[in-house]
Amino acid sequence: MAKEIRITKKNPRRGDDGHKVVTVRMPDEILKKLEEISLETNRSRNEVINFLLKAAIDIVKIEE
């Protein structure tokens, strides 16, 4: 009989890195502007969207 059982750690699966995949519907003109920013800055649309959301989330004011 074996004296120990070894189990290797599993690599994180896609999505287990603290990020979640979401789907967003947006008007064509916003998508076009995001694409322009993406090309001009040499960043992916995902990077641009996350940058803009991070910048905006702290300045949102909710009105009653």
N, C-alpha and C. Protein backbone atom coordinates (compact mmCIF):
# COMPACT_ATOMS: atom_id res chain seq x y z
N MET A 1 0.85 -1.19 0.00
CA MET A 1 0.00 0.00 0.00
C MET A 1 0.88 1.25 0.00
N ALA A 2 0.48 2.26 -0.79
CA ALA A 2 1.25 3.50 -0.89
C ALA A 2 1.18 4.26 0.42
N LYS A 3 2.27 4.94 0.78
CA LYS A 3 2.32 5.72 2.01
C LYS A 3 1.77 7.13 1.84
N GLU A 4 1.69 7.56 0.61
CA GLU A 4 1.15 8.90 0.37
C GLU A 4 0.50 8.96 -1.00
N ILE A 5 -0.40 9.85 -1.13
CA ILE A 5 -1.06 10.10 -2.40
C ILE A 5 -0.70 11.52 -2.81
N ARG A 6 -0.15 11.67 -3.98
CA ARG A 6 0.24 13.00 -4.46
C ARG A 6 -0.76 13.48 -5.50
N ILE A 7 -1.19 14.71 -5.30
CA ILE A 7 -2.10 15.36 -6.24
C ILE A 7 -1.47 16.68 -6.63
N THR A 8 -1.29 16.88 -7.91
CA THR A 8 -0.69 18.14 -8.36
C THR A 8 -1.75 19.23 -8.39
N LYS A 9 -1.31 20.45 -8.19
CA LYS A 9 -2.23 21.58 -8.26
C LYS A 9 -2.68 21.77 -9.70
N LYS A 10 -3.92 22.11 -9.84
CA LYS A 10 -4.50 22.33 -11.15
C LYS A 10 -4.27 23.78 -11.58
N ASN A 11 -3.92 23.97 -12.83
CA ASN A 11 -3.77 25.33 -13.35
C ASN A 11 -5.13 26.00 -13.35
N PRO A 12 -5.15 27.30 -13.07
CA PRO A 12 -6.44 28.00 -13.10
C PRO A 12 -7.08 27.87 -14.47
N ARG A 13 -8.36 27.62 -14.48
CA ARG A 13 -9.09 27.57 -15.74
C ARG A 13 -9.34 28.98 -16.24
N ARG A 14 -9.64 29.07 -17.48
CA ARG A 14 -9.96 30.36 -18.06
C ARG A 14 -11.14 30.96 -17.29
N GLY A 15 -11.00 32.20 -16.87
CA GLY A 15 -12.05 32.84 -16.10
C GLY A 15 -11.81 32.77 -14.60
N ASP A 16 -10.87 31.94 -14.18
CA ASP A 16 -10.56 31.83 -12.75
C ASP A 16 -9.45 32.80 -12.34
N ASP A 17 -9.20 33.79 -13.14
CA ASP A 17 -8.13 34.74 -12.87
C ASP A 17 -8.65 36.05 -12.29
N GLY A 18 -9.88 36.03 -11.78
CA GLY A 18 -10.46 37.23 -11.21
C GLY A 18 -11.19 38.08 -12.24
N HIS A 19 -11.27 37.62 -13.44
CA HIS A 19 -11.96 38.33 -14.50
C HIS A 19 -13.16 37.50 -14.94
N LYS A 20 -14.20 38.15 -15.31
CA LYS A 20 -15.41 37.50 -15.80
C LYS A 20 -15.73 38.01 -17.19
N VAL A 21 -16.29 37.15 -17.99
CA VAL A 21 -16.69 37.52 -19.34
C VAL A 21 -18.12 38.05 -19.28
N VAL A 22 -18.35 39.21 -19.91
CA VAL A 22 -19.69 39.79 -19.99
C VAL A 22 -19.97 40.14 -21.44
N THR A 23 -21.23 40.20 -21.76
CA THR A 23 -21.65 40.60 -23.09
C THR A 23 -22.40 41.91 -22.98
N VAL A 24 -22.07 42.84 -23.84
CA VAL A 24 -22.68 44.17 -23.79
C VAL A 24 -23.18 44.53 -25.18
N ARG A 25 -24.41 45.00 -25.25
CA ARG A 25 -24.95 45.54 -26.50
C ARG A 25 -24.69 47.03 -26.50
N MET A 26 -24.19 47.54 -27.63
CA MET A 26 -23.94 48.97 -27.71
C MET A 26 -24.21 49.47 -29.12
N PRO A 27 -24.52 50.75 -29.22
CA PRO A 27 -24.77 51.33 -30.53
C PRO A 27 -23.52 51.27 -31.42
N ASP A 28 -23.75 51.20 -32.71
CA ASP A 28 -22.65 51.13 -33.68
C ASP A 28 -21.66 52.29 -33.54
N GLU A 29 -22.17 53.49 -33.25
CA GLU A 29 -21.27 54.64 -33.18
C GLU A 29 -20.30 54.54 -32.00
N ILE A 30 -20.74 53.94 -30.89
CA ILE A 30 -19.83 53.75 -29.75
C ILE A 30 -18.79 52.69 -30.09
N LEU A 31 -19.22 51.61 -30.71
CA LEU A 31 -18.29 50.56 -31.11
C LEU A 31 -17.26 51.09 -32.09
N LYS A 32 -17.71 51.94 -33.02
CA LYS A 32 -16.79 52.53 -33.99
C LYS A 32 -15.74 53.39 -33.28
N LYS A 33 -16.18 54.20 -32.31
CA LYS A 33 -15.24 55.05 -31.57
C LYS A 33 -14.27 54.21 -30.76
N LEU A 34 -14.75 53.13 -30.14
CA LEU A 34 -13.87 52.23 -29.40
C LEU A 34 -12.82 51.62 -30.32
N GLU A 35 -13.24 51.24 -31.52
CA GLU A 35 -12.32 50.66 -32.50
C GLU A 35 -11.26 51.68 -32.91
N GLU A 36 -11.66 52.94 -33.10
CA GLU A 36 -10.72 54.00 -33.45
C GLU A 36 -9.68 54.21 -32.34
N ILE A 37 -10.16 54.25 -31.10
CA ILE A 37 -9.25 54.42 -29.96
C ILE A 37 -8.31 53.23 -29.86
N SER A 38 -8.85 52.05 -30.08
CA SER A 38 -8.06 50.83 -30.03
C SER A 38 -6.92 50.87 -31.05
N LEU A 39 -7.25 51.23 -32.28
CA LEU A 39 -6.23 51.29 -33.33
C LEU A 39 -5.20 52.38 -33.06
N GLU A 40 -5.67 53.54 -32.61
CA GLU A 40 -4.76 54.67 -32.37
C GLU A 40 -3.81 54.40 -31.21
N THR A 41 -4.27 53.66 -30.19
CA THR A 41 -3.45 53.41 -29.00
C THR A 41 -2.73 52.06 -29.04
N ASN A 42 -2.99 51.29 -30.10
CA ASN A 42 -2.41 49.96 -30.22
C ASN A 42 -2.78 49.06 -29.04
N ARG A 43 -4.02 49.20 -28.59
CA ARG A 43 -4.54 48.37 -27.50
C ARG A 43 -5.78 47.64 -28.00
N SER A 44 -6.10 46.52 -27.34
CA SER A 44 -7.30 45.79 -27.73
C SER A 44 -8.54 46.56 -27.29
N ARG A 45 -9.66 46.24 -27.93
CA ARG A 45 -10.92 46.87 -27.49
C ARG A 45 -11.17 46.54 -26.03
N ASN A 46 -10.87 45.33 -25.63
CA ASN A 46 -11.06 44.93 -24.23
C ASN A 46 -10.27 45.84 -23.29
N GLU A 47 -9.02 46.10 -23.62
CA GLU A 47 -8.19 46.99 -22.79
C GLU A 47 -8.79 48.39 -22.73
N VAL A 48 -9.22 48.89 -23.87
CA VAL A 48 -9.79 50.24 -23.94
C VAL A 48 -11.07 50.31 -23.10
N ILE A 49 -11.95 49.33 -23.26
CA ILE A 49 -13.20 49.32 -22.50
C ILE A 49 -12.93 49.26 -21.01
N ASN A 50 -12.01 48.40 -20.58
CA ASN A 50 -11.68 48.32 -19.15
C ASN A 50 -11.07 49.61 -18.63
N PHE A 51 -10.20 50.23 -19.42
CA PHE A 51 -9.60 51.51 -19.02
C PHE A 51 -10.68 52.57 -18.82
N LEU A 52 -11.60 52.66 -19.78
CA LEU A 52 -12.66 53.66 -19.70
C LEU A 52 -13.61 53.38 -18.53
N LEU A 53 -13.95 52.13 -18.31
CA LEU A 53 -14.82 51.80 -17.18
C LEU A 53 -14.16 52.12 -15.84
N LYS A 54 -12.87 51.79 -15.71
CA LYS A 54 -12.15 52.10 -14.47
C LYS A 54 -12.12 53.60 -14.23
N ALA A 55 -11.92 54.36 -15.30
CA ALA A 55 -11.86 55.82 -15.17
C ALA A 55 -13.21 56.41 -14.80
N ALA A 56 -14.30 55.82 -15.30
CA ALA A 56 -15.62 56.40 -15.10
C ALA A 56 -16.29 55.94 -13.82
N ILE A 57 -16.00 54.76 -13.34
CA ILE A 57 -16.77 54.18 -12.24
C ILE A 57 -16.67 54.99 -10.95
N ASP A 58 -15.53 55.61 -10.74
CA ASP A 58 -15.34 56.39 -9.50
C ASP A 58 -15.96 57.79 -9.57
N ILE A 59 -16.35 58.24 -10.75
CA ILE A 59 -16.92 59.58 -10.87
C ILE A 59 -18.42 59.56 -11.13
N VAL A 60 -19.01 58.37 -11.05
CA VAL A 60 -20.46 58.25 -11.25
C VAL A 60 -21.18 58.79 -10.03
N LYS A 61 -22.17 59.62 -10.26
CA LYS A 61 -23.04 60.14 -9.19
C LYS A 61 -24.45 59.67 -9.48
N ILE A 62 -25.06 59.01 -8.54
CA ILE A 62 -26.41 58.49 -8.71
C ILE A 62 -27.41 59.52 -8.18
N GLU A 63 -28.35 59.89 -9.03
CA GLU A 63 -29.35 60.88 -8.65
C GLU A 63 -30.67 60.19 -8.35
N GLU A 64 -31.39 60.72 -7.42
CA GLU A 64 -32.71 60.17 -7.08
C GLU A 64 -33.77 60.71 -8.01
